Amino acid sequence: MSLLDDCMRRAVRNDIQGLHAYAVQPSAGLVKLDTMENPHRLPPALRAALGQRLGEVALNRYPAERGDDLKAALAAHAGLPEGCALMLGNGSDELITLLSMACATPGAVFMAPLPGFVMYALSAQLQRVPFVGVPLSADFELDEAAMLAAIARHRPALLYLAYPNNPTANLWDDAVIERLIDAVGQVQGLVVMDEAYQPFAARDSMARLLAHPQVLVMRTMSKFGLAGVRIGYLMGRSALVNEIDKLRPPFNISVLNAEAALFALEHAGQYAAQAALIRSERERVHAALAAMPGVQPWPSQANMVLARVADAAATFAGLKQRGVLVKNVSAMHPLLANCLRITIGTPAENEQLLAALGQSL
C-alpha cells in the first residue's frame, strides 16, 4: 500500500470510496438523444448578440447584483406568488444537495417514488440520511395507498415528487398529489415538486402548489434551453426559502451564467417556440414508436419518451452502431426492464432515430 492509499483510507469516508462517479456517455459523432437537452440553438444573430454581451461582463469581479437581477427576472417569468421567495442553484443538483443538508436532522428520512431521479437518493446518502423509495405502479402512476402508508410509517422530512417524472415522463394525478402533500404536512415534512420538464407539460400548477406552506417548487433553465449554463431555482414561502438559502455558497452562480440566463429570458419567445416544436415532435415520435411492432411507448409530458423493447441492450447497441445515442435505463429499477429513454431531438434527428430503430429491432 502506498502513502496515498493509506491517507485516502483514513481520510475519505468508506461509503464514498464505494460509490461510482456519475457516468456521462461519450457522444462525439453521434445523434445525441440521451440527456434530455433542448436540441435547438439560437439563431446566428442572437448568438452574436449574446457573445457581444458576454464580452462586456466584468470577469475580474465576483458575482453581485446580477444574481439579484436574475432572481427578479425568473420570479416574473415563473409568476411567483406574493409571500414567496426564489433562490438560485448551480443547476437543480446543487439545490437538491442544499435541501439535503438543510433537512438532515437527527432521525430524518427522505422519500421519493421510484423509478425517479437518481440524485434524490444519492444526496440523501451523502448526508447519511435514510432514503425510502416507494415503487410506482406497473403503468408508472403513483401508488397512493403505498405512498400514504410509507409517509405515515417513516414521517419523511422531505418528499420529492418530479412533475413530470424522470425517466417515465408522465404527469401524475393532481388529486393524488394534493393528498400526499396534506399527508406530509401532517407529519411536519416538506414536499419538493421537481418541475425540471415544466416547459413541455400540459399543466402548470405552481400557484396551486405554493398555496401549501410545506411545498417547494424546483425548476431549471437546463430544459428551457440552457443546459450548459447550469441555472436551477427553488421557490417557496419566503421564510422557508431564506433558511435553505443560508447554505448556498455566496458566489455559486457565475457572472457569465447569470448574464446568459438574463439574455435568454429577454428572448423567452424564442425558447417557447422551440418548446412548442419539441412538443409537436414528441407526439410524432410517440405515434411512430407505437406503430412499430414490439415497441411500447408511454405517453409523455416531457421532452423524452420512455419505450419498452424486446431486448434493450441489443437495441441500444444497434442504435449506437447506426449513429444514434439514447439511454438504456433498464438497470435503474425492475419496473424499467428493457426500457430505453429517448430524448426528442430536431425533426432531422428524430427521423434518424426512427430509421435506426426500425433497422435495429
Foldseek 3Di string as FASTA:
>chain_A
DDPVVVCCVVPPDPVVVVDDPDDDDDAPQFAEWADLFLQDDDPPVLVVVLVVVLVPDDQVDFDDCLLVVLQVLVCVVLVFDPQKGKDKALAVLRVLLLVLVLQLDVLAEEEEEPPFDPSNCVSVVVSPHHYDYHYDPLLRERPLVSLLVCCVVRLHQEYEDEALTPPAQHGYDPVSVVVSCVSSVVSVHAYEYEDAFVLQAPDDCVVVQQVRQRYKYKYACRNLRPVVLRIIMIMHRHVVVVSSCVPDDPRRHGPSSSSVSVSCSVVSVVSSVSSVQLNVQLVVLQVLQVPDPQKAWRDHSGQKIKIAGPALVQLQVQLVVLRHHYAQCCPSDVSNHRIIITGRHHPVSSVSNSVSSNVRD
